[in-house]
Amino acid sequence: MEHHGTNRRDFLKLGSAATAVTAISWNASSYAAIPGANDRVRVGIVGCGDRMKQALIPSFQQHAKDKNFEFAAVSDIWNRRRDEGVAYVQKICGNTIATARNNEELYDRKDIDAVLIATADFQHAQHGVQAVRAGRDAYCEKPLADTIEDAHAIREAVKQTGKVFQVGTQRRSTPSYQKAYEYIRSGQFGDINMVEMTWNVNQPGRWRRPDVVPLLKEQDTDWKRYLLNKPYQAFDARKYLEFRLFSPFSSGIPDQWLVHQIDTVHWFSGYPHPRSVVANGGIYQWHDGRTNWDTLTAVFDYGPLDDLTKGFQVVYSSRQTNSAGGIKELYYSNAGMLDMDKQRVSPEGGLTARSAAEMKMQPNQLKSFALSENVAAAETSANTGADPMTSANMLNWMECVRSRKTPNASIDAGYSHSLALCMTVAAMKTGQRVTFDDKTQQLVIGGKKGA
């Protein structure tokens, strides 16, 4: 997402215009005028692992009948996962599902209109490029890309093909986050001047697959296809199934958790990427062969972009070794705090009358209120076993496949979180301050350009 001098106030005006366009009612005749709008959309599955089966498939099924979508095929390079995936989908859907040993076979089929992609972190961008270049719309899990080259490639492919592409940063389709976005955009909150984020668990088994790793044999999959554009290395079942623990297949915490929360920062603030990132951490507890950190602290500097916008800082901390603090997203202005965990706005920390009087200023404190009394109930009302946030994002994608509108978690939003992710990973690897050159769209590490 190139900024080209657009300030935050311009962004808010553009956002209001976009909201107005989105709100236009599509009547029956305009909807029917869309080519294939009344035809069944047949969807292929790319990668049938845990995320696909536990989240994407249930969310898809929740809306499939109403939106006239159905699964048509499963593509997975591991024969066991492919066969189990087909059996699982056929059981819950009731229709016959085709199999594909790889994505080339999948896209050779003429009955596939769109795909759901839930493969290893490093594969998302490449599999997304392959999908849209093959003429298919796609729902693709996050992170969108964890290298600058892949981020450029997928954004270019989506822009050139015009396919509908939804990224799995599902906060953008979640009512409570949409309410928070509207509130911040209204100006009532004031300028964001600080954001604190945590994602803490205490799970030695997180991202481990000890029961499944022994089942994977090299002859039962296609290791070279798995590696895609990564340098060749010997087959390793752990790096295949526990990829989140091993670089370069994932960065772990940043790929999995950081992107969700930093994406929200970009959405709420209008900033396309950080100005700089510094980070440190390490493997402090779980010495189980992993190469990715179990503890991370990163600090992001945003702006100011120009004379009309004020900058702010984001402090992000995450650990897999102690769950205290849990998952938090706290936004601060001079007048108070927005707590996305509690979904409340409060005057906490705002400028009090006593402190203001010392400088002959007016106090500045927000009124305390819930974002919406009904949001929490709406987000937990799904009765199909689907995760409400993923379900809402899936529904938005299905509707956009029909209408050809831009999804909530667009390619530009995905590109922005990819930039923050790549900057974070570079800061972790080098220990240096990382910035971004808007003209060249490249990282600058310690004053030197590089990826």
Protein backbone atom coordinates (compact mmCIF):
# COMPACT_ATOMS: atom_id res chain seq x y z
CA MET A 1 0.00 0.00 0.00
CA GLU A 2 1.87 3.08 -1.19
CA HIS A 3 1.18 6.24 0.77
CA HIS A 4 2.33 9.01 -1.61
CA GLY A 5 1.86 11.74 1.00
CA THR A 6 -1.71 10.92 1.99
CA ASN A 7 -2.15 12.11 5.55
CA ARG A 8 -4.38 10.61 8.22
CA ARG A 9 -7.13 13.17 7.71
CA ASP A 10 -7.22 12.37 3.97
CA PHE A 11 -7.33 8.71 4.85
CA LEU A 12 -10.33 9.22 7.08
CA LYS A 13 -12.14 11.11 4.32
CA LEU A 14 -11.33 8.35 1.85
CA GLY A 15 -12.50 5.79 4.39
CA SER A 16 -15.82 7.57 4.76
CA ALA A 17 -16.26 7.63 0.99
CA ALA A 18 -15.42 3.96 0.74
CA THR A 19 -17.93 3.17 3.46
CA ALA A 20 -20.59 5.08 1.56
CA VAL A 21 -19.84 3.16 -1.62
CA THR A 22 -19.95 -0.15 0.24
CA ALA A 23 -23.29 0.78 1.75
CA ILE A 24 -24.97 1.12 -1.65
CA SER A 25 -27.77 -1.41 -1.88
CA TRP A 26 -27.48 -4.03 -4.59
CA ASN A 27 -30.97 -4.81 -5.87
CA ALA A 28 -32.01 -8.06 -7.56
CA SER A 29 -31.44 -6.82 -11.11
CA SER A 30 -27.95 -5.43 -10.45
CA TYR A 31 -26.96 -8.60 -8.61
CA ALA A 32 -28.23 -10.81 -11.41
CA ALA A 33 -26.25 -8.77 -13.92
CA ILE A 34 -22.99 -10.05 -12.45
CA PRO A 35 -21.71 -12.92 -14.65
CA GLY A 36 -22.33 -16.20 -12.87
CA ALA A 37 -23.95 -14.51 -9.89
CA ASN A 38 -26.65 -17.15 -9.67
CA ASP A 39 -24.40 -20.12 -10.42
CA ARG A 40 -22.99 -22.39 -7.76
CA VAL A 41 -19.43 -21.47 -6.82
CA ARG A 42 -17.28 -24.59 -6.68
CA VAL A 43 -14.32 -24.31 -4.32
CA GLY A 44 -11.05 -26.21 -4.05
CA ILE A 45 -9.11 -26.76 -0.83
CA VAL A 46 -5.38 -26.04 -0.95
CA GLY A 47 -3.76 -27.72 2.05
CA CYS A 48 -6.05 -29.75 4.29
CA GLY A 49 -4.32 -29.50 7.67
CA ASP A 50 -5.52 -28.47 11.11
CA ARG A 51 -6.37 -24.84 10.32
CA MET A 52 -8.40 -25.84 7.29
CA LYS A 53 -10.36 -28.53 9.11
CA GLN A 54 -10.81 -26.74 12.42
CA ALA A 55 -11.66 -23.24 11.19
CA LEU A 56 -12.02 -22.66 7.46
CA ILE A 57 -14.17 -25.65 6.52
CA PRO A 58 -16.69 -25.14 9.39
CA SER A 59 -16.88 -21.42 8.58
CA PHE A 60 -17.38 -22.16 4.90
CA GLN A 61 -20.09 -24.70 5.63
CA GLN A 62 -21.96 -22.27 7.85
CA HIS A 63 -22.69 -20.08 4.81
CA ALA A 64 -22.33 -22.47 1.87
CA LYS A 65 -26.00 -23.33 1.39
CA ASP A 66 -27.25 -19.77 1.67
CA LYS A 67 -24.57 -18.40 -0.68
CA ASN A 68 -24.68 -21.39 -3.08
CA PHE A 69 -21.06 -22.44 -2.59
CA GLU A 70 -19.77 -26.00 -2.40
CA PHE A 71 -16.48 -27.86 -2.07
CA ALA A 72 -15.37 -29.65 -5.22
CA ALA A 73 -11.79 -30.85 -4.66
CA VAL A 74 -8.95 -31.22 -2.17
CA SER A 75 -5.32 -30.57 -3.11
CA ASP A 76 -2.57 -31.72 -0.75
CA ILE A 77 0.86 -33.12 -1.56
CA TRP A 78 0.85 -35.54 1.41
CA ASN A 79 -1.27 -38.55 0.47
CA ARG A 80 -2.45 -39.20 4.03
CA ARG A 81 -3.67 -35.66 4.58
CA ARG A 82 -5.22 -35.59 1.12
CA ASP A 83 -7.19 -38.81 1.65
CA GLU A 84 -8.27 -37.87 5.16
CA GLY A 85 -9.28 -34.44 3.92
CA VAL A 86 -11.47 -35.82 1.18
CA ALA A 87 -13.16 -38.23 3.60
CA TYR A 88 -13.73 -35.44 6.12
CA VAL A 89 -15.20 -33.01 3.59
CA GLN A 90 -17.43 -35.64 2.02
CA LYS A 91 -18.75 -36.63 5.43
CA ILE A 92 -19.80 -33.11 6.43
CA CYS A 93 -20.85 -31.91 2.96
CA GLY A 94 -22.53 -35.01 1.59
CA ASN A 95 -21.24 -34.58 -1.97
CA THR A 96 -18.43 -36.32 -3.81
CA ILE A 97 -15.07 -34.53 -3.63
CA ALA A 98 -12.30 -34.88 -6.21
CA THR A 99 -8.63 -35.22 -5.28
CA ALA A 100 -5.55 -33.49 -6.63
CA ARG A 101 -1.99 -34.50 -5.83
CA ASN A 102 -0.82 -30.92 -6.25
CA ASN A 103 -2.10 -27.49 -7.22
CA GLU A 104 -1.25 -27.92 -10.89
CA GLU A 105 -3.67 -30.84 -11.02
CA LEU A 106 -6.24 -28.79 -9.14
CA TYR A 107 -6.08 -25.86 -11.56
CA ASP A 108 -6.22 -28.18 -14.58
CA ARG A 109 -9.79 -28.88 -13.50
CA LYS A 110 -12.40 -26.70 -15.20
CA ASP A 111 -14.93 -26.96 -12.36
CA ILE A 112 -12.95 -24.98 -9.76
CA ASP A 113 -13.99 -21.33 -9.42
CA ALA A 114 -12.21 -20.39 -6.20
CA VAL A 115 -9.93 -21.83 -3.51
CA LEU A 116 -9.28 -21.73 0.22
CA ILE A 117 -5.56 -21.69 1.02
CA ALA A 118 -4.25 -22.87 4.40
CA THR A 119 -0.74 -24.16 3.82
CA ALA A 120 2.54 -23.46 5.64
CA ASP A 121 3.24 -19.81 6.49
CA PHE A 122 5.98 -19.35 3.88
CA GLN A 123 3.79 -20.86 1.14
CA HIS A 124 0.81 -18.50 1.35
CA ALA A 125 2.02 -15.85 -1.08
CA GLN A 126 3.29 -18.32 -3.67
CA HIS A 127 0.11 -20.38 -3.50
CA GLY A 128 -1.92 -17.18 -3.73
CA VAL A 129 -0.02 -16.10 -6.85
CA GLN A 130 -0.61 -19.50 -8.38
CA ALA A 131 -4.34 -19.34 -7.63
CA VAL A 132 -5.08 -15.90 -9.06
CA ARG A 133 -2.81 -16.43 -12.08
CA ALA A 134 -4.87 -19.57 -12.73
CA GLY A 135 -8.00 -17.40 -12.74
CA ARG A 136 -9.38 -18.35 -9.32
CA ASP A 137 -10.61 -16.15 -6.50
CA ALA A 138 -8.98 -17.01 -3.18
CA TYR A 139 -9.33 -16.90 0.58
CA CYS A 140 -5.77 -17.12 1.92
CA GLU A 141 -4.66 -17.59 5.51
CA LYS A 142 -2.29 -15.09 7.10
CA PRO A 143 0.47 -14.12 7.04
CA LEU A 144 0.12 -13.01 3.44
CA ALA A 145 3.90 -12.99 2.91
CA ASP A 146 6.98 -13.11 5.11
CA THR A 147 9.54 -11.95 2.53
CA ILE A 148 9.50 -8.68 0.62
CA GLU A 149 9.83 -10.51 -2.70
CA ASP A 150 6.77 -12.63 -2.00
CA ALA A 151 4.80 -9.61 -0.78
CA HIS A 152 5.54 -7.79 -4.03
CA ALA A 153 4.66 -10.87 -6.09
CA ILE A 154 1.26 -11.55 -4.54
CA ARG A 155 0.17 -7.91 -4.53
CA GLU A 156 1.14 -7.54 -8.20
CA ALA A 157 -0.64 -10.77 -9.13
CA VAL A 158 -3.90 -9.78 -7.43
CA LYS A 159 -3.82 -6.27 -8.87
CA GLN A 160 -3.12 -7.53 -12.40
CA THR A 161 -5.71 -10.30 -12.39
CA GLY A 162 -8.47 -8.47 -10.54
CA LYS A 163 -9.42 -11.63 -8.66
CA VAL A 164 -11.23 -11.43 -5.33
CA PHE A 165 -8.62 -12.12 -2.66
CA GLN A 166 -9.40 -12.20 1.05
CA VAL A 167 -6.60 -12.44 3.65
CA GLY A 168 -7.28 -14.36 6.88
CA THR A 169 -6.87 -11.36 9.18
CA GLN A 170 -10.42 -11.82 10.38
CA ARG A 171 -10.54 -8.93 12.84
CA ARG A 172 -11.51 -6.74 9.88
CA SER A 173 -14.82 -8.61 9.58
CA THR A 174 -15.50 -8.78 13.33
CA PRO A 175 -18.26 -6.48 14.69
CA SER A 176 -16.41 -5.29 17.80
CA TYR A 177 -13.34 -4.29 15.77
CA GLN A 178 -15.51 -2.60 13.18
CA LYS A 179 -17.18 -0.62 15.96
CA ALA A 180 -13.79 0.38 17.34
CA TYR A 181 -12.62 1.44 13.89
CA GLU A 182 -15.71 3.60 13.40
CA TYR A 183 -15.22 5.19 16.83
CA ILE A 184 -11.56 6.05 16.24
CA ARG A 185 -12.32 7.32 12.74
CA SER A 186 -15.01 9.63 14.15
CA GLY A 187 -12.29 11.59 15.95
CA GLN A 188 -13.90 11.19 19.39
CA PHE A 189 -11.02 9.09 20.69
CA GLY A 190 -8.38 11.63 19.70
CA ASP A 191 -5.03 10.85 18.15
CA ILE A 192 -3.56 7.47 19.01
CA ASN A 193 -0.32 8.13 20.89
CA MET A 194 0.53 4.65 22.17
CA VAL A 195 -0.50 1.02 21.65
CA GLU A 196 0.40 -1.89 23.93
CA MET A 197 -0.10 -5.45 22.73
CA THR A 198 0.57 -8.85 24.25
CA TRP A 199 0.04 -12.44 23.15
CA ASN A 200 1.13 -14.72 25.97
CA VAL A 201 0.61 -18.46 26.43
CA ASN A 202 2.28 -21.19 28.48
CA GLN A 203 2.11 -24.13 26.11
CA PRO A 204 5.13 -26.37 25.53
CA GLY A 205 3.08 -28.23 22.92
CA ARG A 206 2.10 -25.14 20.95
CA TRP A 207 2.83 -25.84 17.27
CA ARG A 208 4.27 -29.26 18.10
CA ARG A 209 2.89 -32.39 16.37
CA PRO A 210 4.65 -35.30 18.14
CA ASP A 211 1.87 -37.77 17.33
CA VAL A 212 1.80 -36.92 13.62
CA VAL A 213 5.49 -36.38 12.81
CA PRO A 214 6.34 -40.14 12.85
CA LEU A 215 3.55 -40.78 10.32
CA LEU A 216 5.06 -38.61 7.59
CA LYS A 217 7.50 -40.35 5.24
CA GLU A 218 9.32 -38.62 2.42
CA GLN A 219 7.97 -41.03 -0.20
CA ASP A 220 4.40 -40.12 0.76
CA THR A 221 4.72 -36.45 -0.09
CA ASP A 222 6.54 -34.11 -2.48
CA TRP A 223 9.30 -32.43 -0.50
CA LYS A 224 10.56 -30.35 -3.42
CA ARG A 225 7.10 -28.93 -4.02
CA TYR A 226 6.85 -28.24 -0.30
CA LEU A 227 10.03 -26.12 -0.38
CA LEU A 228 8.75 -23.97 -3.25
CA ASN A 229 11.19 -21.04 -3.59
CA LYS A 230 13.27 -21.88 -0.50
CA PRO A 231 16.80 -23.29 -0.90
CA TYR A 232 16.87 -27.08 -0.97
CA GLN A 233 17.58 -28.95 2.26
CA ALA A 234 17.16 -32.55 3.31
CA PHE A 235 13.69 -33.82 4.16
CA ASP A 236 12.63 -33.22 7.76
CA ALA A 237 9.18 -34.25 8.95
CA ARG A 238 9.31 -31.76 11.82
CA LYS A 239 9.97 -28.84 9.48
CA TYR A 240 7.06 -30.02 7.35
CA LEU A 241 4.51 -30.45 10.15
CA GLU A 242 5.94 -28.17 12.84
CA PHE A 243 6.96 -25.46 10.38
CA ARG A 244 6.00 -22.64 12.77
CA LEU A 245 9.00 -23.54 14.92
CA PHE A 246 11.57 -23.38 12.13
CA SER A 247 13.00 -20.61 9.97
CA PRO A 248 12.73 -20.04 7.00
CA PHE A 249 9.38 -21.85 6.94
CA SER A 250 7.96 -19.39 9.47
CA SER A 251 9.17 -16.83 11.99
CA GLY A 252 6.82 -18.28 14.62
CA ILE A 253 5.41 -15.57 16.87
CA PRO A 254 5.52 -12.75 14.27
CA ASP A 255 4.02 -14.86 11.46
CA GLN A 256 1.30 -16.31 13.63
CA TRP A 257 0.30 -13.67 16.16
CA LEU A 258 1.93 -10.32 15.49
CA VAL A 259 0.30 -9.94 12.07
CA HIS A 260 -3.22 -10.10 13.52
CA GLN A 261 -2.60 -7.29 15.96
CA ILE A 262 -0.38 -5.07 13.82
CA ASP A 263 -2.95 -5.33 11.04
CA THR A 264 -5.46 -3.78 13.42
CA VAL A 265 -3.03 -0.91 14.13
CA HIS A 266 -2.82 -0.17 10.40
CA TRP A 267 -6.58 -0.35 10.01
CA PHE A 268 -7.40 1.86 12.99
CA SER A 269 -4.69 4.46 12.32
CA GLY A 270 -4.48 4.58 8.53
CA TYR A 271 -0.72 4.13 8.54
CA PRO A 272 0.47 1.69 5.83
CA HIS A 273 3.53 0.44 7.72
CA PRO A 274 5.85 1.31 10.62
CA ARG A 275 8.54 3.92 10.19
CA SER A 276 10.95 1.72 12.12
CA VAL A 277 11.13 -1.54 14.10
CA VAL A 278 13.54 -2.83 16.73
CA ALA A 279 13.27 -6.22 18.42
CA ASN A 280 14.93 -8.70 20.73
CA GLY A 281 14.18 -12.00 22.42
CA GLY A 282 15.23 -15.60 22.10
CA ILE A 283 14.61 -19.22 23.03
CA TYR A 284 14.54 -19.01 26.80
CA GLN A 285 12.45 -22.00 27.86
CA TRP A 286 11.54 -24.58 25.20
CA HIS A 287 14.83 -26.07 23.99
CA ASP A 288 13.20 -28.73 21.81
CA GLY A 289 15.15 -28.25 18.58
CA ARG A 290 13.21 -25.22 17.39
CA THR A 291 15.00 -22.31 15.77
CA ASN A 292 12.25 -19.70 16.24
CA TRP A 293 12.06 -17.69 19.45
CA ASP A 294 9.69 -18.52 22.29
CA THR A 295 9.86 -14.90 23.56
CA LEU A 296 9.73 -11.65 21.60
CA THR A 297 9.52 -7.94 22.35
CA ALA A 298 9.31 -5.51 19.43
CA VAL A 299 8.88 -1.75 19.36
CA PHE A 300 7.31 -0.02 16.35
CA ASP A 301 7.49 3.68 15.53
CA TYR A 302 4.70 5.08 13.38
CA GLY A 303 5.11 8.50 11.79
CA PRO A 304 4.53 11.32 11.95
CA LEU A 305 3.96 11.05 8.21
CA ASP A 306 3.64 14.81 7.69
CA ASP A 307 2.85 18.07 9.50
CA LEU A 308 -0.81 17.12 9.94
CA THR A 309 -0.39 13.72 11.54
CA LYS A 310 1.00 12.77 14.90
CA GLY A 311 3.13 9.71 15.40
CA PHE A 312 2.78 6.98 17.98
CA GLN A 313 4.58 3.94 19.34
CA VAL A 314 3.53 0.31 19.52
CA VAL A 315 5.08 -2.03 22.08
CA TYR A 316 4.43 -5.69 21.27
CA SER A 317 5.43 -8.53 23.58
CA SER A 318 4.72 -12.23 23.26
CA ARG A 319 5.91 -15.32 25.07
CA GLN A 320 5.11 -19.02 25.02
CA THR A 321 6.56 -19.57 28.48
CA ASN A 322 4.12 -17.81 30.84
CA SER A 323 0.51 -16.87 30.12
CA ALA A 324 0.19 -13.90 32.49
CA GLY A 325 -1.26 -10.94 30.65
CA GLY A 326 -2.92 -13.11 28.03
CA ILE A 327 -3.91 -11.47 24.76
CA LYS A 328 -4.28 -7.70 25.04
CA GLU A 329 -4.75 -4.78 22.65
CA LEU A 330 -4.72 -1.43 24.41
CA TYR A 331 -4.97 1.84 22.45
CA TYR A 332 -4.18 5.12 24.23
CA SER A 333 -4.91 8.74 23.44
CA ASN A 334 -4.34 11.80 25.60
CA ALA A 335 -7.95 11.40 26.76
CA GLY A 336 -8.07 7.73 27.76
CA MET A 337 -7.93 4.14 26.61
CA LEU A 338 -9.61 1.72 24.21
CA ASP A 339 -9.38 -1.85 25.54
CA MET A 340 -10.18 -4.37 22.79
CA ASP A 341 -10.02 -7.28 25.25
CA LYS A 342 -12.84 -5.80 27.33
CA GLN A 343 -14.35 -3.97 24.33
CA ARG A 344 -14.59 -0.79 26.38
CA VAL A 345 -13.58 2.84 26.16
CA SER A 346 -12.57 4.55 29.40
CA PRO A 347 -10.92 7.78 30.65
CA GLU A 348 -8.12 5.71 32.21
CA GLY A 349 -4.85 7.59 31.88
CA GLY A 350 -6.49 10.66 30.33
CA LEU A 351 -5.51 14.22 31.20
CA THR A 352 -7.08 14.99 34.59
CA ALA A 353 -8.33 18.38 35.76
CA ARG A 354 -5.55 18.62 38.35
CA SER A 355 -2.76 17.91 35.87
CA ALA A 356 -4.32 20.17 33.26
CA ALA A 357 -4.66 23.06 35.73
CA GLU A 358 -0.93 23.07 36.41
CA MET A 359 -0.37 24.13 32.80
CA LYS A 360 -3.56 26.21 32.49
CA MET A 361 -5.06 23.66 30.13
CA GLN A 362 -8.45 22.02 29.89
CA PRO A 363 -8.85 18.43 31.14
CA ASN A 364 -9.18 15.81 28.45
CA GLN A 365 -10.99 12.63 29.44
CA LEU A 366 -13.15 10.20 27.51
CA LYS A 367 -16.53 9.03 28.67
CA SER A 368 -16.62 5.39 29.72
CA PHE A 369 -18.81 3.12 27.60
CA ALA A 370 -18.98 -0.31 25.94
CA LEU A 371 -18.35 -0.38 22.20
CA SER A 372 -21.62 -2.26 21.83
CA GLU A 373 -23.73 -4.10 24.33
CA ASN A 374 -24.67 -6.65 21.68
CA VAL A 375 -21.31 -7.23 20.01
CA ALA A 376 -20.07 -9.96 22.35
CA ALA A 377 -23.33 -11.88 22.05
CA ALA A 378 -23.28 -11.58 18.26
CA GLU A 379 -19.71 -12.85 18.06
CA THR A 380 -20.45 -15.99 20.08
CA SER A 381 -23.82 -16.86 18.57
CA ALA A 382 -22.63 -19.25 15.86
CA ASN A 383 -24.18 -22.69 16.38
CA THR A 384 -22.23 -24.68 13.80
CA GLY A 385 -18.91 -25.04 15.58
CA ALA A 386 -17.37 -22.32 13.40
CA ASP A 387 -15.16 -19.65 14.95
CA PRO A 388 -17.30 -16.46 14.79
CA MET A 389 -14.44 -14.22 13.61
CA THR A 390 -13.36 -16.60 10.84
CA SER A 391 -17.00 -17.21 9.91
CA ALA A 392 -17.60 -13.47 9.46
CA ASN A 393 -14.48 -13.12 7.30
CA MET A 394 -15.51 -16.12 5.20
CA LEU A 395 -18.99 -14.69 4.69
CA ASN A 396 -17.52 -11.37 3.56
CA TRP A 397 -15.33 -13.21 1.04
CA MET A 398 -18.28 -15.19 -0.34
CA GLU A 399 -20.31 -12.02 -0.74
CA CYS A 400 -17.42 -10.33 -2.53
CA VAL A 401 -16.95 -13.28 -4.88
CA ARG A 402 -20.57 -12.63 -5.90
CA SER A 403 -20.45 -8.83 -6.00
CA ARG A 404 -16.79 -8.44 -7.13
CA LYS A 405 -16.28 -5.85 -4.40
CA THR A 406 -13.03 -5.56 -2.46
CA PRO A 407 -13.06 -7.78 0.68
CA ASN A 408 -12.56 -6.39 4.17
CA ALA A 409 -9.10 -7.98 4.52
CA SER A 410 -7.89 -6.81 1.12
CA ILE A 411 -4.61 -7.41 -0.67
CA ASP A 412 -3.47 -3.91 0.35
CA ALA A 413 -4.20 -4.67 4.01
CA GLY A 414 -2.27 -7.92 3.66
CA TYR A 415 0.62 -6.14 2.00
CA SER A 416 0.79 -3.68 4.89
CA HIS A 417 0.95 -6.38 7.56
CA SER A 418 3.56 -8.17 5.45
CA LEU A 419 5.77 -5.08 5.50
CA ALA A 420 5.55 -4.86 9.29
CA LEU A 421 6.24 -8.59 9.52
CA CYS A 422 9.30 -8.44 7.25
CA MET A 423 10.65 -5.45 9.16
CA THR A 424 10.20 -7.32 12.45
CA VAL A 425 11.91 -10.48 11.20
CA ALA A 426 14.84 -8.44 9.87
CA ALA A 427 15.18 -6.65 13.22
CA MET A 428 15.14 -10.02 15.02
CA LYS A 429 17.79 -11.51 12.74
CA THR A 430 20.15 -8.54 12.66
CA GLY A 431 19.60 -6.82 15.99
CA GLN A 432 19.46 -3.54 14.10
CA ARG A 433 16.85 -0.85 13.59
CA VAL A 434 14.89 -1.55 10.41
CA THR A 435 13.11 1.08 8.33
CA PHE A 436 11.30 1.02 4.98
CA ASP A 437 11.95 2.95 1.78
CA ASP A 438 8.61 3.92 0.24
CA LYS A 439 10.17 4.76 -3.13
CA THR A 440 11.86 1.41 -3.66
CA GLN A 441 9.48 -0.61 -1.47
CA GLN A 442 12.47 -2.26 0.19
CA LEU A 443 13.71 -2.74 3.74
CA VAL A 444 16.54 -0.59 5.06
CA ILE A 445 18.57 -2.41 7.71
CA GLY A 446 20.98 -0.36 9.75
CA GLY A 447 20.98 2.28 7.02
CA LYS A 448 21.55 -0.27 4.24
CA LYS A 449 18.93 -1.52 1.81
CA GLY A 450 18.24 -5.24 1.87
CA ALA A 451 15.61 -7.95 2.19
